[in-house]
Amino acid sequence: MFLTRWGLDQVTDSATLALTELVANVVRHVPGRRCSVLFLREPHGLRVEVADGVACALHAKAPEATAERGRGLAVVEGVTDRWGVEERRDGKTVWFECDG
């Protein structure tokens, strides 16, 4: 992955897992399955943004023990240093940061 070329070997696994979870949410919940992904090399590490056209509040919550779904944002929270949601007029951007 290009993170190696950026000198971010130590965050590659976490960033890959978090990105996979966010894109999976788009596939499951966004009509048309459209999104944009932005990678930003920051002084402290990496910031990744996934933007889509559906406005809704997101939060990491613990699903029922027997639930088959609902752990994605908890995974993002667990493997990244920071994450959040920015509401926009035309949807939302879910972002995370991994310190390098």
PDB file of N, CA and C in Angstrom:
ATOM      1  N   MET A   1       0.855  -1.186   0.000  1.00  0.00           N
ATOM      2  CA  MET A   1       0.000   0.000   0.000  1.00  0.00           C
ATOM      3  C   MET A   1       0.891   1.237   0.000  1.00  0.00           C
ATOM      4  N   PHE A   2       0.363   2.344  -0.464  1.00  0.00           N
ATOM      5  CA  PHE A   2       1.139   3.568  -0.573  1.00  0.00           C
ATOM      6  C   PHE A   2       1.574   4.113   0.778  1.00  0.00           C
ATOM      7  N   LEU A   3       0.984   3.650   1.877  1.00  0.00           N
ATOM      8  CA  LEU A   3       1.375   4.149   3.192  1.00  0.00           C
ATOM      9  C   LEU A   3       2.833   3.829   3.487  1.00  0.00           C
ATOM     10  N   THR A   4       3.330   2.735   2.945  1.00  0.00           N
ATOM     11  CA  THR A   4       4.724   2.375   3.124  1.00  0.00           C
ATOM     12  C   THR A   4       5.622   3.428   2.495  1.00  0.00           C
ATOM     13  N   ARG A   5       5.244   3.895   1.322  1.00  0.00           N
ATOM     14  CA  ARG A   5       6.038   4.925   0.647  1.00  0.00           C
ATOM     15  C   ARG A   5       6.021   6.235   1.406  1.00  0.00           C
ATOM     16  N   TRP A   6       4.959   6.461   2.192  1.00  0.00           N
ATOM     17  CA  TRP A   6       4.864   7.679   2.998  1.00  0.00           C
ATOM     18  C   TRP A   6       5.569   7.533   4.337  1.00  0.00           C
ATOM     19  N   GLY A   7       6.165   6.386   4.603  1.00  0.00           N
ATOM     20  CA  GLY A   7       6.818   6.156   5.878  1.00  0.00           C
ATOM     21  C   GLY A   7       5.826   5.877   6.998  1.00  0.00           C
ATOM     22  N   LEU A   8       4.666   5.315   6.657  1.00  0.00           N
ATOM     23  CA  LEU A   8       3.622   5.062   7.646  1.00  0.00           C
ATOM     24  C   LEU A   8       3.374   3.568   7.837  1.00  0.00           C
ATOM     25  N   ASP A   9       4.436   2.792   7.796  1.00  0.00           N
ATOM     26  CA  ASP A   9       4.306   1.337   7.959  1.00  0.00           C
ATOM     27  C   ASP A   9       3.548   0.966   9.226  1.00  0.00           C
ATOM     28  N   GLN A  10       3.803   1.686  10.312  1.00  0.00           N
ATOM     29  CA  GLN A  10       3.231   1.331  11.602  1.00  0.00           C
ATOM     30  C   GLN A  10       1.721   1.553  11.682  1.00  0.00           C
ATOM     31  N   VAL A  11       1.125   2.283  10.746  1.00  0.00           N
ATOM     32  CA  VAL A  11      -0.324   2.508  10.793  1.00  0.00           C
ATOM     33  C   VAL A  11      -1.069   1.791   9.660  1.00  0.00           C
ATOM     34  N   THR A  12      -0.345   1.079   8.827  1.00  0.00           N
ATOM     35  CA  THR A  12      -0.964   0.461   7.657  1.00  0.00           C
ATOM     36  C   THR A  12      -2.108  -0.481   8.024  1.00  0.00           C
ATOM     37  N   ASP A  13      -1.887  -1.390   8.961  1.00  0.00           N
ATOM     38  CA  ASP A  13      -2.937  -2.352   9.317  1.00  0.00           C
ATOM     39  C   ASP A  13      -4.158  -1.668   9.907  1.00  0.00           C
ATOM     40  N   SER A  14      -3.940  -0.736  10.831  1.00  0.00           N
ATOM     41  CA  SER A  14      -5.061  -0.027  11.461  1.00  0.00           C
ATOM     42  C   SER A  14      -5.838   0.802  10.446  1.00  0.00           C
ATOM     43  N   ALA A  15      -5.121   1.521   9.596  1.00  0.00           N
ATOM     44  CA  ALA A  15      -5.784   2.362   8.600  1.00  0.00           C
ATOM     45  C   ALA A  15      -6.546   1.518   7.587  1.00  0.00           C
ATOM     46  N   THR A  16      -5.980   0.407   7.182  1.00  0.00           N
ATOM     47  CA  THR A  16      -6.652  -0.475   6.231  1.00  0.00           C
ATOM     48  C   THR A  16      -7.933  -1.038   6.824  1.00  0.00           C
ATOM     49  N   LEU A  17      -7.877  -1.486   8.063  1.00  0.00           N
ATOM     50  CA  LEU A  17      -9.064  -2.033   8.716  1.00  0.00           C
ATOM     51  C   LEU A  17     -10.139  -0.961   8.898  1.00  0.00           C
ATOM     52  N   ALA A  18      -9.749   0.221   9.371  1.00  0.00           N
ATOM     53  CA  ALA A  18     -10.722   1.293   9.573  1.00  0.00           C
ATOM     54  C   ALA A  18     -11.360   1.720   8.254  1.00  0.00           C
ATOM     55  N   LEU A  19     -10.560   1.858   7.202  1.00  0.00           N
ATOM     56  CA  LEU A  19     -11.099   2.227   5.896  1.00  0.00           C
ATOM     57  C   LEU A  19     -12.060   1.162   5.386  1.00  0.00           C
ATOM     58  N   THR A  20     -11.710  -0.094   5.548  1.00  0.00           N
ATOM     59  CA  THR A  20     -12.589  -1.184   5.120  1.00  0.00           C
ATOM     60  C   THR A  20     -13.935  -1.112   5.824  1.00  0.00           C
ATOM     61  N   GLU A  21     -13.931  -0.831   7.110  1.00  0.00           N
ATOM     62  CA  GLU A  21     -15.185  -0.718   7.868  1.00  0.00           C
ATOM     63  C   GLU A  21     -16.033   0.453   7.366  1.00  0.00           C
ATOM     64  N   LEU A  22     -15.410   1.592   7.106  1.00  0.00           N
ATOM     65  CA  LEU A  22     -16.179   2.757   6.647  1.00  0.00           C
ATOM     66  C   LEU A  22     -16.747   2.537   5.250  1.00  0.00           C
ATOM     67  N   VAL A  23     -15.976   1.938   4.365  1.00  0.00           N
ATOM     68  CA  VAL A  23     -16.487   1.668   3.017  1.00  0.00           C
ATOM     69  C   VAL A  23     -17.579   0.599   3.075  1.00  0.00           C
ATOM     70  N   ALA A  24     -17.443  -0.374   3.948  1.00  0.00           N
ATOM     71  CA  ALA A  24     -18.500  -1.378   4.116  1.00  0.00           C
ATOM     72  C   ALA A  24     -19.798  -0.719   4.560  1.00  0.00           C
ATOM     73  N   ASN A  25     -19.707   0.293   5.416  1.00  0.00           N
ATOM     74  CA  ASN A  25     -20.908   1.025   5.822  1.00  0.00           C
ATOM     75  C   ASN A  25     -21.556   1.733   4.635  1.00  0.00           C
ATOM     76  N   VAL A  26     -20.745   2.270   3.745  1.00  0.00           N
ATOM     77  CA  VAL A  26     -21.282   2.903   2.543  1.00  0.00           C
ATOM     78  C   VAL A  26     -22.013   1.867   1.699  1.00  0.00           C
ATOM     79  N   VAL A  27     -21.389   0.722   1.503  1.00  0.00           N
ATOM     80  CA  VAL A  27     -22.000  -0.332   0.689  1.00  0.00           C
ATOM     81  C   VAL A  27     -23.337  -0.766   1.285  1.00  0.00           C
ATOM     82  N   ARG A  28     -23.407  -0.863   2.599  1.00  0.00           N
ATOM     83  CA  ARG A  28     -24.632  -1.325   3.259  1.00  0.00           C
ATOM     84  C   ARG A  28     -25.727  -0.266   3.364  1.00  0.00           C
ATOM     85  N   HIS A  29     -25.337   1.007   3.549  1.00  0.00           N
ATOM     86  CA  HIS A  29     -26.315   2.009   3.960  1.00  0.00           C
ATOM     87  C   HIS A  29     -26.523   3.190   3.011  1.00  0.00           C
ATOM     88  N   VAL A  30     -25.701   3.337   1.996  1.00  0.00           N
ATOM     89  CA  VAL A  30     -25.804   4.502   1.107  1.00  0.00           C
ATOM     90  C   VAL A  30     -26.409   4.072  -0.223  1.00  0.00           C
ATOM     91  N   PRO A  31     -27.551   4.664  -0.585  1.00  0.00           N
ATOM     92  CA  PRO A  31     -28.142   4.345  -1.895  1.00  0.00           C
ATOM     93  C   PRO A  31     -27.133   4.644  -3.013  1.00  0.00           C
ATOM     94  N   GLY A  32     -26.998   3.727  -3.919  1.00  0.00           N
ATOM     95  CA  GLY A  32     -26.043   3.898  -5.018  1.00  0.00           C
ATOM     96  C   GLY A  32     -24.623   3.550  -4.650  1.00  0.00           C
ATOM     97  N   ARG A  33     -24.352   3.355  -3.363  1.00  0.00           N
ATOM     98  CA  ARG A  33     -23.030   2.941  -2.878  1.00  0.00           C
ATOM     99  C   ARG A  33     -21.913   3.854  -3.334  1.00  0.00           C
ATOM    100  N   ARG A  34     -22.191   5.150  -3.373  1.00  0.00           N
ATOM    101  CA  ARG A  34     -21.193   6.124  -3.833  1.00  0.00           C
ATOM    102  C   ARG A  34     -20.581   6.846  -2.645  1.00  0.00           C
ATOM    103  N   CYS A  35     -19.267   7.044  -2.731  1.00  0.00           N
ATOM    104  CA  CYS A  35     -18.562   7.820  -1.712  1.00  0.00           C
ATOM    105  C   CYS A  35     -17.273   8.346  -2.329  1.00  0.00           C
ATOM    106  N   SER A  36     -16.638   9.239  -1.609  1.00  0.00           N
ATOM    107  CA  SER A  36     -15.296   9.664  -1.991  1.00  0.00           C
ATOM    108  C   SER A  36     -14.383   9.414  -0.801  1.00  0.00           C
ATOM    109  N   VAL A  37     -13.141   9.077  -1.105  1.00  0.00           N
ATOM    110  CA  VAL A  37     -12.153   8.790  -0.069  1.00  0.00           C
ATOM    111  C   VAL A  37     -10.979   9.737  -0.269  1.00  0.00           C
ATOM    112  N   LEU A  38     -10.545  10.346   0.819  1.00  0.00           N
ATOM    113  CA  LEU A  38      -9.429  11.277   0.780  1.00  0.00           C
ATOM    114  C   LEU A  38      -8.391  10.834   1.795  1.00  0.00           C
ATOM    115  N   PHE A  39      -7.136  10.685   1.357  1.00  0.00           N
ATOM    116  CA  PHE A  39      -6.020  10.354   2.238  1.00  0.00           C
ATOM    117  C   PHE A  39      -5.182  11.615   2.407  1.00  0.00           C
ATOM    118  N   LEU A  40      -4.882  11.974   3.641  1.00  0.00           N
ATOM    119  CA  LEU A  40      -4.079  13.157   3.917  1.00  0.00           C
ATOM    120  C   LEU A  40      -2.891  12.776   4.795  1.00  0.00           C
ATOM    121  N   ARG A  41      -1.692  13.071   4.312  1.00  0.00           N
ATOM    122  CA  ARG A  41      -0.494  12.862   5.131  1.00  0.00           C
ATOM    123  C   ARG A  41      -0.377  14.080   6.025  1.00  0.00           C
ATOM    124  N   GLU A  42      -0.490  13.895   7.318  1.00  0.00           N
ATOM    125  CA  GLU A  42      -0.430  14.971   8.300  1.00  0.00           C
ATOM    126  C   GLU A  42       0.898  14.897   9.057  1.00  0.00           C
ATOM    127  N   PRO A  43       1.306  15.990   9.709  1.00  0.00           N
ATOM    128  CA  PRO A  43       2.565  15.943  10.470  1.00  0.00           C
ATOM    129  C   PRO A  43       2.592  14.831  11.524  1.00  0.00           C
ATOM    130  N   HIS A  44       1.448  14.534  12.108  1.00  0.00           N
ATOM    131  CA  HIS A  44       1.394  13.511  13.149  1.00  0.00           C
ATOM    132  C   HIS A  44       1.155  12.105  12.605  1.00  0.00           C
ATOM    133  N   GLY A  45       0.786  11.965  11.341  1.00  0.00           N
ATOM    134  CA  GLY A  45       0.504  10.644  10.776  1.00  0.00           C
ATOM    135  C   GLY A  45      -0.393  10.713   9.565  1.00  0.00           C
ATOM    136  N   LEU A  46      -1.546  10.061   9.655  1.00  0.00           N
ATOM    137  CA  LEU A  46      -2.446   9.921   8.517  1.00  0.00           C
ATOM    138  C   LEU A  46      -3.869  10.289   8.915  1.00  0.00           C
ATOM    139  N   ARG A  47      -4.552  10.982   8.027  1.00  0.00           N
ATOM    140  CA  ARG A  47      -5.983  11.252   8.181  1.00  0.00           C
ATOM    141  C   ARG A  47      -6.673  10.713   6.930  1.00  0.00           C
ATOM    142  N   VAL A  48      -7.769   9.984   7.129  1.00  0.00           N
ATOM    143  CA  VAL A  48      -8.548   9.440   6.028  1.00  0.00           C
ATOM    144  C   VAL A  48      -9.984   9.928   6.195  1.00  0.00           C
ATOM    145  N   GLU A  49     -10.586  10.392   5.109  1.00  0.00           N
ATOM    146  CA  GLU A  49     -11.964  10.870   5.120  1.00  0.00           C
ATOM    147  C   GLU A  49     -12.783  10.088   4.097  1.00  0.00           C
ATOM    148  N   VAL A  50     -13.965   9.644   4.512  1.00  0.00           N
ATOM    149  CA  VAL A  50     -14.902   8.965   3.618  1.00  0.00           C
ATOM    150  C   VAL A  50     -16.182   9.787   3.628  1.00  0.00           C
ATOM    151  N   ALA A  51     -16.519  10.376   2.482  1.00  0.00           N
ATOM    152  CA  ALA A  51     -17.690  11.250   2.376  1.00  0.00           C
ATOM    153  C   ALA A  51     -18.761  10.577   1.531  1.00  0.00           C
ATOM    154  N   ASP A  52     -20.012  10.723   1.969  1.00  0.00           N
ATOM    155  CA  ASP A  52     -21.129  10.199   1.193  1.00  0.00           C
ATOM    156  C   ASP A  52     -22.285  11.182   1.245  1.00  0.00           C
ATOM    157  N   GLY A  53     -23.345  10.887   0.518  1.00  0.00           N
ATOM    158  CA  GLY A  53     -24.466  11.794   0.387  1.00  0.00           C
ATOM    159  C   GLY A  53     -25.623  11.530   1.323  1.00  0.00           C
ATOM    160  N   VAL A  54     -25.404  10.795   2.413  1.00  0.00           N
ATOM    161  CA  VAL A  54     -26.481  10.488   3.352  1.00  0.00           C
ATOM    162  C   VAL A  54     -26.172  11.161   4.680  1.00  0.00           C
ATOM    163  N   ALA A  55     -27.060  12.042   5.103  1.00  0.00           N
ATOM    164  CA  ALA A  55     -26.893  12.706   6.392  1.00  0.00           C
ATOM    165  C   ALA A  55     -27.531  11.854   7.479  1.00  0.00           C
ATOM    166  N   CYS A  56     -26.756  11.535   8.480  1.00  0.00           N
ATOM    167  CA  CYS A  56     -27.289  10.828   9.642  1.00  0.00           C
ATOM    168  C   CYS A  56     -26.257  10.870  10.751  1.00  0.00           C
ATOM    169  N   ALA A  57     -26.734  10.766  11.954  1.00  0.00           N
ATOM    170  CA  ALA A  57     -25.830  10.743  13.097  1.00  0.00           C
ATOM    171  C   ALA A  57     -25.261   9.342  13.269  1.00  0.00           C
ATOM    172  N   LEU A  58     -23.977   9.267  13.455  1.00  0.00           N
ATOM    173  CA  LEU A  58     -23.301   7.991  13.684  1.00  0.00           C
ATOM    174  C   LEU A  58     -22.657   8.006  15.056  1.00  0.00           C
ATOM    175  N   HIS A  59     -22.595   6.873  15.683  1.00  0.00           N
ATOM    176  CA  HIS A  59     -21.858   6.753  16.931  1.00  0.00           C
ATOM    177  C   HIS A  59     -21.468   5.301  17.136  1.00  0.00           C
ATOM    178  N   ALA A  60     -20.360   5.126  17.812  1.00  0.00           N
ATOM    179  CA  ALA A  60     -19.911   3.771  18.125  1.00  0.00           C
ATOM    180  C   ALA A  60     -20.689   3.294  19.343  1.00  0.00           C
ATOM    181  N   LYS A  61     -21.330   2.161  19.211  1.00  0.00           N
ATOM    182  CA  LYS A  61     -22.065   1.612  20.339  1.00  0.00           C
ATOM    183  C   LYS A  61     -21.801   0.119  20.405  1.00  0.00           C
ATOM    184  N   ALA A  62     -21.971  -0.417  21.579  1.00  0.00           N
ATOM    185  CA  ALA A  62     -21.769  -1.855  21.753  1.00  0.00           C
ATOM    186  C   ALA A  62     -23.038  -2.578  21.327  1.00  0.00           C
ATOM    187  N   PRO A  63     -22.933  -3.444  20.322  1.00  0.00           N
ATOM    188  CA  PRO A  63     -24.107  -4.210  19.897  1.00  0.00           C
ATOM    189  C   PRO A  63     -24.409  -5.331  20.896  1.00  0.00           C
ATOM    190  N   GLU A  64     -25.554  -5.902  20.758  1.00  0.00           N
ATOM    191  CA  GLU A  64     -25.889  -7.076  21.562  1.00  0.00           C
ATOM    192  C   GLU A  64     -24.851  -8.162  21.288  1.00  0.00           C
ATOM    193  N   ALA A  65     -24.578  -8.973  22.277  1.00  0.00           N
ATOM    194  CA  ALA A  65     -23.545 -10.010  22.148  1.00  0.00           C
ATOM    195  C   ALA A  65     -23.819 -10.965  20.995  1.00  0.00           C
ATOM    196  N   THR A  66     -25.091 -11.205  20.686  1.00  0.00           N
ATOM    197  CA  THR A  66     -25.428 -12.153  19.620  1.00  0.00           C
ATOM    198  C   THR A  66     -25.669 -11.483  18.272  1.00  0.00           C
ATOM    199  N   ALA A  67     -25.535 -10.167  18.205  1.00  0.00           N
ATOM    200  CA  ALA A  67     -25.778  -9.439  16.954  1.00  0.00           C
ATOM    201  C   ALA A  67     -24.727  -9.815  15.909  1.00  0.00           C
ATOM    202  N   GLU A  68     -25.164  -9.941  14.671  1.00  0.00           N
ATOM    203  CA  GLU A  68     -24.248 -10.276  13.585  1.00  0.00           C
ATOM    204  C   GLU A  68     -23.624  -9.039  12.959  1.00  0.00           C
ATOM    205  N   ARG A  69     -24.174  -7.874  13.234  1.00  0.00           N
ATOM    206  CA  ARG A  69     -23.680  -6.619  12.650  1.00  0.00           C
ATOM    207  C   ARG A  69     -23.621  -5.556  13.732  1.00  0.00           C
ATOM    208  N   GLY A  70     -23.066  -4.402  13.367  1.00  0.00           N
ATOM    209  CA  GLY A  70     -23.099  -3.261  14.268  1.00  0.00           C
ATOM    210  C   GLY A  70     -21.809  -2.977  15.024  1.00  0.00           C
ATOM    211  N   ARG A  71     -20.728  -3.623  14.629  1.00  0.00           N
ATOM    212  CA  ARG A  71     -19.463  -3.410  15.323  1.00  0.00           C
ATOM    213  C   ARG A  71     -18.476  -2.533  14.548  1.00  0.00           C
ATOM    214  N   GLY A  72     -18.831  -2.122  13.357  1.00  0.00           N
ATOM    215  CA  GLY A  72     -17.894  -1.410  12.491  1.00  0.00           C
ATOM    216  C   GLY A  72     -17.309  -0.152  13.084  1.00  0.00           C
ATOM    217  N   LEU A  73     -18.144   0.731  13.612  1.00  0.00           N
ATOM    218  CA  LEU A  73     -17.618   1.975  14.173  1.00  0.00           C
ATOM    219  C   LEU A  73     -16.866   1.732  15.473  1.00  0.00           C
ATOM    220  N   ALA A  74     -17.241   0.710  16.207  1.00  0.00           N
ATOM    221  CA  ALA A  74     -16.475   0.349  17.405  1.00  0.00           C
ATOM    222  C   ALA A  74     -15.082  -0.129  17.006  1.00  0.00           C
ATOM    223  N   VAL A  75     -14.991  -0.841  15.884  1.00  0.00           N
ATOM    224  CA  VAL A  75     -13.684  -1.264  15.364  1.00  0.00           C
ATOM    225  C   VAL A  75     -12.872  -0.037  14.973  1.00  0.00           C
ATOM    226  N   VAL A  76     -13.487   0.897  14.248  1.00  0.00           N
ATOM    227  CA  VAL A  76     -12.791   2.131  13.855  1.00  0.00           C
ATOM    228  C   VAL A  76     -12.269   2.842  15.102  1.00  0.00           C
ATOM    229  N   GLU A  77     -13.104   2.963  16.099  1.00  0.00           N
ATOM    230  CA  GLU A  77     -12.701   3.623  17.343  1.00  0.00           C
ATOM    231  C   GLU A  77     -11.540   2.878  18.009  1.00  0.00           C
ATOM    232  N   GLY A  78     -11.574   1.570  17.943  1.00  0.00           N
ATOM    233  CA  GLY A  78     -10.553   0.776  18.612  1.00  0.00           C
ATOM    234  C   GLY A  78      -9.197   0.767  17.945  1.00  0.00           C
ATOM    235  N   VAL A  79      -9.150   0.928  16.629  1.00  0.00           N
ATOM    236  CA  VAL A  79      -7.867   0.801  15.920  1.00  0.00           C
ATOM    237  C   VAL A  79      -7.273   2.132  15.482  1.00  0.00           C
ATOM    238  N   THR A  80      -7.988   3.233  15.708  1.00  0.00           N
ATOM    239  CA  THR A  80      -7.473   4.546  15.316  1.00  0.00           C
ATOM    240  C   THR A  80      -7.226   5.398  16.558  1.00  0.00           C
ATOM    241  N   ASP A  81      -6.523   6.496  16.363  1.00  0.00           N
ATOM    242  CA  ASP A  81      -6.263   7.399  17.486  1.00  0.00           C
ATOM    243  C   ASP A  81      -7.398   8.396  17.691  1.00  0.00           C
ATOM    244  N   ARG A  82      -8.070   8.757  16.621  1.00  0.00           N
ATOM    245  CA  ARG A  82      -9.206   9.676  16.674  1.00  0.00           C
ATOM    246  C   ARG A  82     -10.123   9.379  15.507  1.00  0.00           C
ATOM    247  N   TRP A  83     -11.417   9.638  15.684  1.00  0.00           N
ATOM    248  CA  TRP A  83     -12.351   9.530  14.569  1.00  0.00           C
ATOM    249  C   TRP A  83     -13.526  10.437  14.866  1.00  0.00           C
ATOM    250  N   GLY A  84     -14.280  10.753  13.837  1.00  0.00           N
ATOM    251  CA  GLY A  84     -15.448  11.600  14.037  1.00  0.00           C
ATOM    252  C   GLY A  84     -16.285  11.686  12.775  1.00  0.00           C
ATOM    253  N   VAL A  85     -17.352  12.465  12.897  1.00  0.00           N
ATOM    254  CA  VAL A  85     -18.283  12.665  11.795  1.00  0.00           C
ATOM    255  C   VAL A  85     -18.510  14.160  11.640  1.00  0.00           C
ATOM    256  N   GLU A  86     -18.452  14.636  10.419  1.00  0.00           N
ATOM    257  CA  GLU A  86     -18.764  16.031  10.106  1.00  0.00           C
ATOM    258  C   GLU A  86     -19.991  16.038   9.212  1.00  0.00           C
ATOM    259  N   GLU A  87     -21.065  16.623   9.708  1.00  0.00           N
ATOM    260  CA  GLU A  87     -22.283  16.749   8.912  1.00  0.00           C
ATOM    261  C   GLU A  87     -22.086  17.850   7.872  1.00  0.00           C
ATOM    262  N   ARG A  88     -22.624  17.629   6.682  1.00  0.00           N
ATOM    263  CA  ARG A  88     -22.592  18.625   5.605  1.00  0.00           C
ATOM    264  C   ARG A  88     -24.011  18.800   5.076  1.00  0.00           C
ATOM    265  N   ARG A  89     -24.228  19.823   4.309  1.00  0.00           N
ATOM    266  CA  ARG A  89     -25.551  20.026   3.695  1.00  0.00           C
ATOM    267  C   ARG A  89     -25.926  18.842   2.812  1.00  0.00           C
ATOM    268  N   ASP A  90     -24.949  18.288   2.144  1.00  0.00           N
ATOM    269  CA  ASP A  90     -25.214  17.230   1.168  1.00  0.00           C
ATOM    270  C   ASP A  90     -24.809  15.841   1.663  1.00  0.00           C
ATOM    271  N   GLY A  91     -24.681  15.659   2.966  1.00  0.00           N
ATOM    272  CA  GLY A  91     -24.313  14.346   3.488  1.00  0.00           C
ATOM    273  C   GLY A  91     -23.438  14.453   4.705  1.00  0.00           C
ATOM    274  N   LYS A  92     -22.429  13.581   4.759  1.00  0.00           N
ATOM    275  CA  LYS A  92     -21.528  13.570   5.906  1.00  0.00           C
ATOM    276  C   LYS A  92     -20.142  13.093   5.472  1.00  0.00           C
ATOM    277  N   THR A  93     -19.181  13.395   6.298  1.00  0.00           N
ATOM    278  CA  THR A  93     -17.827  12.876   6.150  1.00  0.00           C
ATOM    279  C   THR A  93     -17.449  12.189   7.446  1.00  0.00           C
ATOM    280  N   VAL A  94     -17.087  10.931   7.358  1.00  0.00           N
ATOM    281  CA  VAL A  94     -16.584  10.198   8.507  1.00  0.00           C
ATOM    282  C   VAL A  94     -15.069  10.145   8.329  1.00  0.00           C
ATOM    283  N   TRP A  95     -14.343  10.520   9.357  1.00  0.00           N
ATOM    284  CA  TRP A  95     -12.894  10.607   9.256  1.00  0.00           C
ATOM    285  C   TRP A  95     -12.242   9.851  10.409  1.00  0.00           C
ATOM    286  N   PHE A  96     -10.982   9.471  10.203  1.00  0.00           N
ATOM    287  CA  PHE A  96     -10.174   8.934  11.292  1.00  0.00           C
ATOM    288  C   PHE A  96      -8.731   9.349  11.100  1.00  0.00           C
ATOM    289  N   GLU A  97      -7.993   9.316  12.187  1.00  0.00           N
ATOM    290  CA  GLU A  97      -6.570   9.646  12.165  1.00  0.00           C
ATOM    291  C   GLU A  97      -5.791   8.553  12.879  1.00  0.00           C
ATOM    292  N   CYS A  98      -4.649   8.223  12.301  1.00  0.00           N
ATOM    293  CA  CYS A  98      -3.725   7.267  12.899  1.00  0.00           C
ATOM    294  C   CYS A  98      -2.379   7.979  13.038  1.00  0.00           C
ATOM    295  N   ASP A  99      -1.882   8.068  14.260  1.00  0.00           N
ATOM    296  CA  ASP A  99      -0.601   8.708  14.493  1.00  0.00           C
ATOM    297  C   ASP A  99       0.529   7.798  14.052  1.00  0.00           C
ATOM    298  N   GLY A 100       1.491   8.388  13.361  1.00  0.00           N
ATOM    299  CA  GLY A 100       2.582   7.604  12.818  1.00  0.00           C
ATOM    300  C   GLY A 100       3.841   7.666  13.619  1.00  0.00           C
TER     301      GLY A 100
END
